[in-house]
């Protein structure tokens, strides 16, 4: 029988952390972070990491496992998450993936081709394409991918330089189109994916408030530390809430414009997340922001799934 894996997904500011703790306490769950940025030590505020107080003794994994100057790939996540799922299941507990990086979740749940040395990152190839983008612009980089693999390019925004470079890197190293190598249709686990969302205007309002809260908590200082360590060259430095500060630190932008950019980028990312999840994985959606009375229905959904 396939192992059961629950996931809680959705944009920021919709209650994923609080719900995950409630469900973990009720169903003996252990949380595996599915966020590509929470792996980095020192990037706490901008990635909305769960605090020690919020954890309420619920075990959490794949948080603070990398330095900001280290890379972390989807293959790294899948390898680590697979081992954790085996361990958590063996204890008779429920593995719970919590986070908003949709591609990580899909790669874990489906039979996507990610393994093998030829799929491992190549710093030389990756550096070449990042330098190409720096010299020619992200649009030119994306256009190059579109000429090779239009299907992959269609699914990757021009602004997501990291993913565009990864697609070019995979093709250069393997001769296999990125759109082909990542295809997967067979489930490897028995998943229940709970999605949280709310009215778009309310969501955007909450996102703006969340950014203001992060600033009050010291986001600028956190971004400054990353910048001073050379973060502009790190994968961690591509994260929303950090990259927007770099022009400000370079005296190229005002602080109000920087804050406005963080809010805008976060809203746009939330929109892309929701679109991706609706088309890529089967999700059962709830709105506990406007309808907290749905919490019993969520618990019942989990209970029935566990019994099947």
C-alpha atoms as a PDB file:
ATOM      1  CA  UNK A   1       0.000   0.000   0.000  1.00  0.00           C
ATOM      2  CA  UNK A   2       1.181   3.532  -0.745  1.00  0.00           C
ATOM      3  CA  UNK A   3       2.222   5.597   2.240  1.00  0.00           C
ATOM      4  CA  UNK A   4      -0.122   8.425   3.171  1.00  0.00           C
ATOM      5  CA  UNK A   5       1.205  11.970   2.910  1.00  0.00           C
ATOM      6  CA  UNK A   6      -0.793  15.072   3.753  1.00  0.00           C
ATOM      7  CA  UNK A   7       0.091  18.486   2.349  1.00  0.00           C
ATOM      8  CA  UNK A   8      -1.075  21.967   3.275  1.00  0.00           C
ATOM      9  CA  UNK A   9      -0.490  24.488   0.509  1.00  0.00           C
ATOM     10  CA  UNK A  10      -1.487  27.998  -0.428  1.00  0.00           C
ATOM     11  CA  UNK A  11      -0.120  31.549  -0.617  1.00  0.00           C
ATOM     12  CA  UNK A  12       1.288  33.437   2.330  1.00  0.00           C
ATOM     13  CA  UNK A  13      -0.998  34.888   5.000  1.00  0.00           C
ATOM     14  CA  UNK A  14      -3.840  32.346   4.755  1.00  0.00           C
ATOM     15  CA  UNK A  15      -3.190  30.354   7.942  1.00  0.00           C
ATOM     16  CA  UNK A  16      -1.071  27.377   6.826  1.00  0.00           C
ATOM     17  CA  UNK A  17       1.170  27.345   9.899  1.00  0.00           C
ATOM     18  CA  UNK A  18      -1.612  27.495  12.462  1.00  0.00           C
ATOM     19  CA  UNK A  19      -3.649  24.835  10.649  1.00  0.00           C
ATOM     20  CA  UNK A  20      -0.658  22.524  10.311  1.00  0.00           C
ATOM     21  CA  UNK A  21      -0.035  22.650  14.071  1.00  0.00           C
ATOM     22  CA  UNK A  22      -3.680  21.942  14.865  1.00  0.00           C
ATOM     23  CA  UNK A  23      -3.823  18.970  12.505  1.00  0.00           C
ATOM     24  CA  UNK A  24      -0.431  17.643  13.594  1.00  0.00           C
ATOM     25  CA  UNK A  25      -1.551  17.648  17.215  1.00  0.00           C
ATOM     26  CA  UNK A  26      -4.805  15.862  16.412  1.00  0.00           C
ATOM     27  CA  UNK A  27      -3.447  13.275  13.968  1.00  0.00           C
ATOM     28  CA  UNK A  28       0.101  12.658  15.284  1.00  0.00           C
ATOM     29  CA  UNK A  29       1.614  14.613  12.446  1.00  0.00           C
ATOM     30  CA  UNK A  30       5.210  15.647  11.855  1.00  0.00           C
ATOM     31  CA  UNK A  31       5.871  18.600   9.568  1.00  0.00           C
ATOM     32  CA  UNK A  32       8.253  18.579   6.601  1.00  0.00           C
ATOM     33  CA  UNK A  33       8.782  22.073   5.235  1.00  0.00           C
ATOM     34  CA  UNK A  34       7.989  22.241   1.536  1.00  0.00           C
ATOM     35  CA  UNK A  35       9.379  25.761   1.165  1.00  0.00           C
ATOM     36  CA  UNK A  36      12.499  26.259  -0.940  1.00  0.00           C
ATOM     37  CA  UNK A  37      13.660  29.262   1.124  1.00  0.00           C
ATOM     38  CA  UNK A  38      13.117  28.057   4.681  1.00  0.00           C
ATOM     39  CA  UNK A  39      16.095  25.717   4.327  1.00  0.00           C
ATOM     40  CA  UNK A  40      18.438  28.714   4.724  1.00  0.00           C
ATOM     41  CA  UNK A  41      19.799  29.643   8.134  1.00  0.00           C
ATOM     42  CA  UNK A  42      19.359  33.262   9.124  1.00  0.00           C
ATOM     43  CA  UNK A  43      16.530  33.949   6.684  1.00  0.00           C
ATOM     44  CA  UNK A  44      13.746  33.721   9.235  1.00  0.00           C
ATOM     45  CA  UNK A  45      11.531  36.785   8.932  1.00  0.00           C
ATOM     46  CA  UNK A  46      11.313  37.002   5.150  1.00  0.00           C
ATOM     47  CA  UNK A  47      10.516  33.300   4.786  1.00  0.00           C
ATOM     48  CA  UNK A  48       7.897  33.325   7.573  1.00  0.00           C
ATOM     49  CA  UNK A  49       9.521  30.408   9.385  1.00  0.00           C
ATOM     50  CA  UNK A  50       7.522  28.786  12.137  1.00  0.00           C
ATOM     51  CA  UNK A  51       8.755  29.990  15.533  1.00  0.00           C
ATOM     52  CA  UNK A  52       9.653  27.759  18.474  1.00  0.00           C
ATOM     53  CA  UNK A  53       6.526  29.000  20.247  1.00  0.00           C
ATOM     54  CA  UNK A  54       4.309  28.259  17.252  1.00  0.00           C
ATOM     55  CA  UNK A  55       5.659  24.710  16.883  1.00  0.00           C
ATOM     56  CA  UNK A  56       4.098  23.643  20.200  1.00  0.00           C
ATOM     57  CA  UNK A  57       6.491  20.643  20.303  1.00  0.00           C
ATOM     58  CA  UNK A  58       5.395  19.399  16.862  1.00  0.00           C
ATOM     59  CA  UNK A  59       8.531  18.070  15.066  1.00  0.00           C
ATOM     60  CA  UNK A  60       9.590  20.123  12.021  1.00  0.00           C
ATOM     61  CA  UNK A  61      12.134  19.166   9.362  1.00  0.00           C
ATOM     62  CA  UNK A  62      14.040  20.722   6.421  1.00  0.00           C
ATOM     63  CA  UNK A  63      14.301  24.099   8.120  1.00  0.00           C
ATOM     64  CA  UNK A  64      17.698  25.744   8.714  1.00  0.00           C
ATOM     65  CA  UNK A  65      19.688  23.012   6.982  1.00  0.00           C
ATOM     66  CA  UNK A  66      21.682  25.146   4.526  1.00  0.00           C
ATOM     67  CA  UNK A  67      23.848  28.262   4.619  1.00  0.00           C
ATOM     68  CA  UNK A  68      22.634  31.097   2.361  1.00  0.00           C
ATOM     69  CA  UNK A  69      25.601  30.616   0.014  1.00  0.00           C
ATOM     70  CA  UNK A  70      24.705  26.954  -0.586  1.00  0.00           C
ATOM     71  CA  UNK A  71      22.356  25.695  -3.263  1.00  0.00           C
ATOM     72  CA  UNK A  72      19.269  23.604  -2.636  1.00  0.00           C
ATOM     73  CA  UNK A  73      17.550  21.815  -5.491  1.00  0.00           C
ATOM     74  CA  UNK A  74      14.275  20.010  -5.974  1.00  0.00           C
ATOM     75  CA  UNK A  75      16.269  16.764  -6.150  1.00  0.00           C
ATOM     76  CA  UNK A  76      17.734  17.551  -2.701  1.00  0.00           C
ATOM     77  CA  UNK A  77      14.252  18.124  -1.348  1.00  0.00           C
ATOM     78  CA  UNK A  78      12.811  14.923  -2.811  1.00  0.00           C
ATOM     79  CA  UNK A  79      15.678  12.794  -1.483  1.00  0.00           C
ATOM     80  CA  UNK A  80      15.392  14.246   2.014  1.00  0.00           C
ATOM     81  CA  UNK A  81      11.586  14.209   2.099  1.00  0.00           C
ATOM     82  CA  UNK A  82      11.411  10.585   0.949  1.00  0.00           C
ATOM     83  CA  UNK A  83      13.668   9.503   3.807  1.00  0.00           C
ATOM     84  CA  UNK A  84      11.684  11.544   6.318  1.00  0.00           C
ATOM     85  CA  UNK A  85       8.369  10.126   5.102  1.00  0.00           C
ATOM     86  CA  UNK A  86       9.721   6.607   5.618  1.00  0.00           C
ATOM     87  CA  UNK A  87      10.913   7.456   9.137  1.00  0.00           C
ATOM     88  CA  UNK A  88       7.738   9.275  10.178  1.00  0.00           C
ATOM     89  CA  UNK A  89       5.496   6.542   8.777  1.00  0.00           C
ATOM     90  CA  UNK A  90       7.550   3.858  10.556  1.00  0.00           C
ATOM     91  CA  UNK A  91       6.831   5.657  13.839  1.00  0.00           C
ATOM     92  CA  UNK A  92       3.123   5.412  13.126  1.00  0.00           C
ATOM     93  CA  UNK A  93       2.875   9.155  12.608  1.00  0.00           C
ATOM     94  CA  UNK A  94       1.567  11.236   9.713  1.00  0.00           C
ATOM     95  CA  UNK A  95       4.008  12.990   7.339  1.00  0.00           C
ATOM     96  CA  UNK A  96       2.781  16.512   6.563  1.00  0.00           C
ATOM     97  CA  UNK A  97       4.295  18.669   3.816  1.00  0.00           C
ATOM     98  CA  UNK A  98       3.657  22.340   4.581  1.00  0.00           C
ATOM     99  CA  UNK A  99       4.724  25.140   2.264  1.00  0.00           C
ATOM    100  CA  UNK A 100       4.127  26.937  -0.966  1.00  0.00           C
ATOM    101  CA  UNK A 101       6.744  25.619  -3.392  1.00  0.00           C
ATOM    102  CA  UNK A 102       4.414  23.695  -5.683  1.00  0.00           C
ATOM    103  CA  UNK A 103       7.027  22.126  -7.931  1.00  0.00           C
ATOM    104  CA  UNK A 104       8.715  20.559  -4.895  1.00  0.00           C
ATOM    105  CA  UNK A 105       5.445  18.954  -3.842  1.00  0.00           C
ATOM    106  CA  UNK A 106       4.657  17.616  -7.302  1.00  0.00           C
ATOM    107  CA  UNK A 107       8.174  16.230  -7.709  1.00  0.00           C
ATOM    108  CA  UNK A 108       7.783  14.378  -4.426  1.00  0.00           C
ATOM    109  CA  UNK A 109       4.321  12.955  -5.050  1.00  0.00           C
ATOM    110  CA  UNK A 110       4.748  11.917  -8.698  1.00  0.00           C
ATOM    111  CA  UNK A 111       7.223   9.800 -10.635  1.00  0.00           C
ATOM    112  CA  UNK A 112       9.199  12.738 -11.946  1.00  0.00           C
ATOM    113  CA  UNK A 113      12.651  12.010 -13.343  1.00  0.00           C
ATOM    114  CA  UNK A 114      15.073  13.906 -11.125  1.00  0.00           C
ATOM    115  CA  UNK A 115      17.762  11.480 -10.021  1.00  0.00           C
ATOM    116  CA  UNK A 116      21.141  10.524 -11.377  1.00  0.00           C
ATOM    117  CA  UNK A 117      24.430  12.390 -11.601  1.00  0.00           C
ATOM    118  CA  UNK A 118      23.600  13.881 -14.979  1.00  0.00           C
ATOM    119  CA  UNK A 119      20.694  15.758 -13.383  1.00  0.00           C
ATOM    120  CA  UNK A 120      22.815  17.174 -10.572  1.00  0.00           C
ATOM    121  CA  UNK A 121      23.515  20.908 -10.764  1.00  0.00           C
ATOM    122  CA  UNK A 122      26.572  22.105 -12.647  1.00  0.00           C
ATOM    123  CA  UNK A 123      28.001  25.336 -11.276  1.00  0.00           C
ATOM    124  CA  UNK A 124      29.922  25.965 -14.503  1.00  0.00           C
ATOM    125  CA  UNK A 125      26.904  25.640 -16.775  1.00  0.00           C
ATOM    126  CA  UNK A 126      24.643  27.540 -14.413  1.00  0.00           C
ATOM    127  CA  UNK A 127      27.143  30.393 -14.015  1.00  0.00           C
ATOM    128  CA  UNK A 128      27.425  30.683 -17.783  1.00  0.00           C
ATOM    129  CA  UNK A 129      23.679  31.206 -18.205  1.00  0.00           C
ATOM    130  CA  UNK A 130      23.387  33.621 -15.275  1.00  0.00           C
ATOM    131  CA  UNK A 131      26.197  35.658 -16.831  1.00  0.00           C
ATOM    132  CA  UNK A 132      24.328  35.540 -20.149  1.00  0.00           C
ATOM    133  CA  UNK A 133      21.247  36.957 -18.424  1.00  0.00           C
ATOM    134  CA  UNK A 134      23.278  39.647 -16.710  1.00  0.00           C
ATOM    135  CA  UNK A 135      24.790  40.721 -20.021  1.00  0.00           C
ATOM    136  CA  UNK A 136      21.714  40.363 -22.242  1.00  0.00           C
ATOM    137  CA  UNK A 137      18.721  40.488 -19.915  1.00  0.00           C
ATOM    138  CA  UNK A 138      16.227  37.932 -18.599  1.00  0.00           C
ATOM    139  CA  UNK A 139      14.040  38.237 -21.704  1.00  0.00           C
ATOM    140  CA  UNK A 140      16.930  37.174 -23.947  1.00  0.00           C
ATOM    141  CA  UNK A 141      17.648  34.237 -21.644  1.00  0.00           C
ATOM    142  CA  UNK A 142      13.982  33.182 -21.746  1.00  0.00           C
ATOM    143  CA  UNK A 143      13.892  33.618 -25.534  1.00  0.00           C
ATOM    144  CA  UNK A 144      16.844  31.243 -25.820  1.00  0.00           C
ATOM    145  CA  UNK A 145      14.974  28.608 -23.793  1.00  0.00           C
ATOM    146  CA  UNK A 146      11.811  29.182 -25.846  1.00  0.00           C
ATOM    147  CA  UNK A 147      13.785  28.409 -28.999  1.00  0.00           C
ATOM    148  CA  UNK A 148      14.945  25.095 -27.530  1.00  0.00           C
ATOM    149  CA  UNK A 149      12.030  24.008 -25.354  1.00  0.00           C
ATOM    150  CA  UNK A 150       8.898  26.136 -25.913  1.00  0.00           C
ATOM    151  CA  UNK A 151       6.773  23.910 -23.680  1.00  0.00           C
ATOM    152  CA  UNK A 152       9.049  24.492 -20.705  1.00  0.00           C
ATOM    153  CA  UNK A 153       9.372  28.202 -21.470  1.00  0.00           C
ATOM    154  CA  UNK A 154       5.600  28.611 -21.529  1.00  0.00           C
ATOM    155  CA  UNK A 155       5.403  27.370 -17.934  1.00  0.00           C
ATOM    156  CA  UNK A 156       8.282  29.468 -16.551  1.00  0.00           C
ATOM    157  CA  UNK A 157       7.912  33.246 -16.111  1.00  0.00           C
ATOM    158  CA  UNK A 158      10.580  35.417 -17.737  1.00  0.00           C
ATOM    159  CA  UNK A 159      11.425  36.789 -14.283  1.00  0.00           C
ATOM    160  CA  UNK A 160      12.147  33.340 -12.829  1.00  0.00           C
ATOM    161  CA  UNK A 161      15.763  33.347 -13.952  1.00  0.00           C
ATOM    162  CA  UNK A 162      16.673  30.464 -11.683  1.00  0.00           C
ATOM    163  CA  UNK A 163      14.163  28.090 -13.299  1.00  0.00           C
ATOM    164  CA  UNK A 164      15.020  29.225 -16.823  1.00  0.00           C
ATOM    165  CA  UNK A 165      18.694  28.574 -16.134  1.00  0.00           C
ATOM    166  CA  UNK A 166      17.856  25.170 -14.651  1.00  0.00           C
ATOM    167  CA  UNK A 167      15.901  24.224 -17.789  1.00  0.00           C
ATOM    168  CA  UNK A 168      18.806  25.229 -20.024  1.00  0.00           C
ATOM    169  CA  UNK A 169      21.260  23.434 -17.747  1.00  0.00           C
ATOM    170  CA  UNK A 170      19.331  20.159 -17.842  1.00  0.00           C
ATOM    171  CA  UNK A 171      19.124  20.252 -21.623  1.00  0.00           C
ATOM    172  CA  UNK A 172      22.809  21.084 -22.003  1.00  0.00           C
ATOM    173  CA  UNK A 173      23.912  18.295 -19.666  1.00  0.00           C
ATOM    174  CA  UNK A 174      21.495  15.553 -20.713  1.00  0.00           C
ATOM    175  CA  UNK A 175      20.217  16.360 -24.197  1.00  0.00           C
ATOM    176  CA  UNK A 176      16.705  15.847 -22.804  1.00  0.00           C
ATOM    177  CA  UNK A 177      14.215  18.698 -22.899  1.00  0.00           C
ATOM    178  CA  UNK A 178      13.319  20.001 -19.456  1.00  0.00           C
ATOM    179  CA  UNK A 179       9.622  19.659 -20.299  1.00  0.00           C
ATOM    180  CA  UNK A 180      10.174  15.943 -20.948  1.00  0.00           C
ATOM    181  CA  UNK A 181      12.468  15.091 -18.053  1.00  0.00           C
ATOM    182  CA  UNK A 182      10.101  16.489 -15.456  1.00  0.00           C
ATOM    183  CA  UNK A 183       6.957  14.731 -16.674  1.00  0.00           C
ATOM    184  CA  UNK A 184       5.311  12.506 -14.118  1.00  0.00           C
ATOM    185  CA  UNK A 185       1.801  11.093 -13.994  1.00  0.00           C
ATOM    186  CA  UNK A 186       1.916   8.187 -11.533  1.00  0.00           C
ATOM    187  CA  UNK A 187       1.421   8.958  -7.856  1.00  0.00           C
ATOM    188  CA  UNK A 188       4.055   7.506  -5.535  1.00  0.00           C
ATOM    189  CA  UNK A 189       2.092   8.234  -2.352  1.00  0.00           C
ATOM    190  CA  UNK A 190      -1.542   8.405  -1.228  1.00  0.00           C
ATOM    191  CA  UNK A 191      -1.869  12.183  -0.814  1.00  0.00           C
ATOM    192  CA  UNK A 192      -4.396  14.517   0.708  1.00  0.00           C
ATOM    193  CA  UNK A 193      -3.653  18.075  -0.391  1.00  0.00           C
ATOM    194  CA  UNK A 194      -5.463  20.755   1.582  1.00  0.00           C
ATOM    195  CA  UNK A 195      -5.344  24.169  -0.055  1.00  0.00           C
ATOM    196  CA  UNK A 196      -5.980  27.408   1.792  1.00  0.00           C
ATOM    197  CA  UNK A 197      -7.113  30.534   0.007  1.00  0.00           C
ATOM    198  CA  UNK A 198      -9.423  33.487   0.525  1.00  0.00           C
ATOM    199  CA  UNK A 199     -11.031  36.340  -1.396  1.00  0.00           C
ATOM    200  CA  UNK A 200      -8.382  37.959  -3.603  1.00  0.00           C
ATOM    201  CA  UNK A 201      -8.859  41.514  -2.304  1.00  0.00           C
ATOM    202  CA  UNK A 202      -8.673  40.265   1.266  1.00  0.00           C
ATOM    203  CA  UNK A 203      -5.658  38.096   0.440  1.00  0.00           C
ATOM    204  CA  UNK A 204      -3.791  41.058  -1.039  1.00  0.00           C
ATOM    205  CA  UNK A 205      -4.670  43.164   1.987  1.00  0.00           C
ATOM    206  CA  UNK A 206      -3.318  40.457   4.298  1.00  0.00           C
ATOM    207  CA  UNK A 207      -0.156  40.140   2.204  1.00  0.00           C
ATOM    208  CA  UNK A 208       0.468  43.875   2.491  1.00  0.00           C
ATOM    209  CA  UNK A 209      -0.084  43.681   6.243  1.00  0.00           C
ATOM    210  CA  UNK A 210       2.244  40.672   6.492  1.00  0.00           C
ATOM    211  CA  UNK A 211       5.016  42.592   4.726  1.00  0.00           C
ATOM    212  CA  UNK A 212       4.555  45.541   7.101  1.00  0.00           C
ATOM    213  CA  UNK A 213       4.751  43.127  10.035  1.00  0.00           C
ATOM    214  CA  UNK A 214       7.958  41.591   8.664  1.00  0.00           C
ATOM    215  CA  UNK A 215       9.481  45.059   8.374  1.00  0.00           C
ATOM    216  CA  UNK A 216       8.547  45.794  11.983  1.00  0.00           C
ATOM    217  CA  UNK A 217      10.215  42.532  13.002  1.00  0.00           C
ATOM    218  CA  UNK A 218      13.496  43.439  11.300  1.00  0.00           C
ATOM    219  CA  UNK A 219      13.297  42.246   7.689  1.00  0.00           C
ATOM    220  CA  UNK A 220      15.560  45.056   6.477  1.00  0.00           C
ATOM    221  CA  UNK A 221      18.355  44.027   8.841  1.00  0.00           C
ATOM    222  CA  UNK A 222      17.972  40.400   7.789  1.00  0.00           C
ATOM    223  CA  UNK A 223      18.215  41.375   4.119  1.00  0.00           C
ATOM    224  CA  UNK A 224      21.208  43.607   4.877  1.00  0.00           C
ATOM    225  CA  UNK A 225      23.088  40.706   6.461  1.00  0.00           C
ATOM    226  CA  UNK A 226      22.427  38.604   3.365  1.00  0.00           C
ATOM    227  CA  UNK A 227      23.532  41.466   1.117  1.00  0.00           C
ATOM    228  CA  UNK A 228      26.737  42.056   3.077  1.00  0.00           C
ATOM    229  CA  UNK A 229      27.556  38.337   2.800  1.00  0.00           C
ATOM    230  CA  UNK A 230      27.336  38.525  -1.008  1.00  0.00           C
ATOM    231  CA  UNK A 231      23.693  37.546  -1.270  1.00  0.00           C
ATOM    232  CA  UNK A 232      23.221  39.078  -4.710  1.00  0.00           C
ATOM    233  CA  UNK A 233      25.138  36.080  -6.062  1.00  0.00           C
ATOM    234  CA  UNK A 234      23.342  33.445  -3.970  1.00  0.00           C
ATOM    235  CA  UNK A 235      20.265  31.428  -4.846  1.00  0.00           C
ATOM    236  CA  UNK A 236      18.933  32.526  -1.449  1.00  0.00           C
ATOM    237  CA  UNK A 237      19.258  36.114  -2.636  1.00  0.00           C
ATOM    238  CA  UNK A 238      16.657  35.510  -5.343  1.00  0.00           C
ATOM    239  CA  UNK A 239      13.911  35.142  -2.743  1.00  0.00           C
ATOM    240  CA  UNK A 240      11.084  37.649  -2.446  1.00  0.00           C
ATOM    241  CA  UNK A 241      11.647  39.954   0.492  1.00  0.00           C
ATOM    242  CA  UNK A 242      15.394  39.939  -0.012  1.00  0.00           C
ATOM    243  CA  UNK A 243      16.153  40.641  -3.671  1.00  0.00           C
ATOM    244  CA  UNK A 244      14.052  43.814  -3.636  1.00  0.00           C
ATOM    245  CA  UNK A 245      16.314  45.320  -0.973  1.00  0.00           C
ATOM    246  CA  UNK A 246      19.518  45.004  -3.003  1.00  0.00           C
ATOM    247  CA  UNK A 247      18.895  48.066  -5.241  1.00  0.00           C
ATOM    248  CA  UNK A 248      18.097  50.024  -2.066  1.00  0.00           C
ATOM    249  CA  UNK A 249      21.354  48.929  -0.445  1.00  0.00           C
ATOM    250  CA  UNK A 250      23.148  49.896  -3.659  1.00  0.00           C
ATOM    251  CA  UNK A 251      21.597  53.390  -3.365  1.00  0.00           C
ATOM    252  CA  UNK A 252      19.576  52.855  -6.528  1.00  0.00           C
ATOM    253  CA  UNK A 253      16.099  52.904  -4.976  1.00  0.00           C
ATOM    254  CA  UNK A 254      14.223  54.474  -2.075  1.00  0.00           C
ATOM    255  CA  UNK A 255      12.974  52.503   0.902  1.00  0.00           C
ATOM    256  CA  UNK A 256       9.265  53.236   0.165  1.00  0.00           C
ATOM    257  CA  UNK A 257       9.753  51.988  -3.397  1.00  0.00           C
ATOM    258  CA  UNK A 258      11.493  48.885  -2.037  1.00  0.00           C
ATOM    259  CA  UNK A 259       8.615  48.099   0.314  1.00  0.00           C
ATOM    260  CA  UNK A 260       6.093  48.647  -2.464  1.00  0.00           C
ATOM    261  CA  UNK A 261       8.059  46.264  -4.697  1.00  0.00           C
ATOM    262  CA  UNK A 262       8.113  43.544  -2.033  1.00  0.00           C
ATOM    263  CA  UNK A 263       4.356  43.806  -1.638  1.00  0.00           C
ATOM    264  CA  UNK A 264       3.786  43.737  -5.390  1.00  0.00           C
ATOM    265  CA  UNK A 265       6.133  40.775  -5.940  1.00  0.00           C
ATOM    266  CA  UNK A 266       4.496  38.856  -3.095  1.00  0.00           C
ATOM    267  CA  UNK A 267       1.016  39.478  -4.500  1.00  0.00           C
ATOM    268  CA  UNK A 268       2.090  38.401  -7.988  1.00  0.00           C
ATOM    269  CA  UNK A 269       3.741  35.287  -6.592  1.00  0.00           C
ATOM    270  CA  UNK A 270       0.596  34.376  -4.671  1.00  0.00           C
ATOM    271  CA  UNK A 271      -1.426  34.653  -7.864  1.00  0.00           C
ATOM    272  CA  UNK A 272       1.022  32.413  -9.744  1.00  0.00           C
ATOM    273  CA  UNK A 273       1.024  29.900  -6.881  1.00  0.00           C
ATOM    274  CA  UNK A 274      -2.740  29.571  -6.908  1.00  0.00           C
ATOM    275  CA  UNK A 275      -2.879  29.191 -10.690  1.00  0.00           C
ATOM    276  CA  UNK A 276      -0.171  26.516 -10.574  1.00  0.00           C
ATOM    277  CA  UNK A 277      -1.831  24.489  -7.829  1.00  0.00           C
ATOM    278  CA  UNK A 278      -5.203  24.555  -9.571  1.00  0.00           C
ATOM    279  CA  UNK A 279      -3.715  22.960 -12.694  1.00  0.00           C
ATOM    280  CA  UNK A 280      -0.946  20.691 -11.410  1.00  0.00           C
ATOM    281  CA  UNK A 281      -2.136  18.742  -8.351  1.00  0.00           C
ATOM    282  CA  UNK A 282      -5.509  17.673  -6.911  1.00  0.00           C
ATOM    283  CA  UNK A 283      -6.384  20.086  -4.098  1.00  0.00           C
ATOM    284  CA  UNK A 284      -9.289  20.293  -1.674  1.00  0.00           C
ATOM    285  CA  UNK A 285      -9.750  24.011  -1.034  1.00  0.00           C
ATOM    286  CA  UNK A 286     -10.868  25.804   2.122  1.00  0.00           C
ATOM    287  CA  UNK A 287     -11.104  29.413   3.278  1.00  0.00           C
ATOM    288  CA  UNK A 288     -10.495  29.553   7.017  1.00  0.00           C
ATOM    289  CA  UNK A 289      -9.776  33.295   6.939  1.00  0.00           C
ATOM    290  CA  UNK A 290     -13.384  34.224   6.162  1.00  0.00           C
ATOM    291  CA  UNK A 291     -14.876  30.927   7.291  1.00  0.00           C
ATOM    292  CA  UNK A 292     -13.137  29.534  10.392  1.00  0.00           C
ATOM    293  CA  UNK A 293     -16.227  27.369  10.824  1.00  0.00           C
ATOM    294  CA  UNK A 294     -14.736  25.170   8.080  1.00  0.00           C
ATOM    295  CA  UNK A 295     -12.128  23.820  10.506  1.00  0.00           C
ATOM    296  CA  UNK A 296     -14.294  20.870  11.623  1.00  0.00           C
ATOM    297  CA  UNK A 297     -14.846  19.972   7.950  1.00  0.00           C
ATOM    298  CA  UNK A 298     -11.085  19.949   7.404  1.00  0.00           C
ATOM    299  CA  UNK A 299     -10.566  17.656  10.381  1.00  0.00           C
ATOM    300  CA  UNK A 300     -13.302  15.350   9.128  1.00  0.00           C
ATOM    301  CA  UNK A 301     -11.770  15.285   5.642  1.00  0.00           C
ATOM    302  CA  UNK A 302      -8.430  14.221   7.112  1.00  0.00           C
ATOM    303  CA  UNK A 303     -10.059  11.625   9.342  1.00  0.00           C
ATOM    304  CA  UNK A 304     -11.944   9.988   6.479  1.00  0.00           C
ATOM    305  CA  UNK A 305      -8.855   9.965   4.273  1.00  0.00           C
ATOM    306  CA  UNK A 306      -6.825   8.268   6.982  1.00  0.00           C
ATOM    307  CA  UNK A 307      -9.482   5.577   7.379  1.00  0.00           C
ATOM    308  CA  UNK A 308      -9.663   4.755   3.673  1.00  0.00           C
END
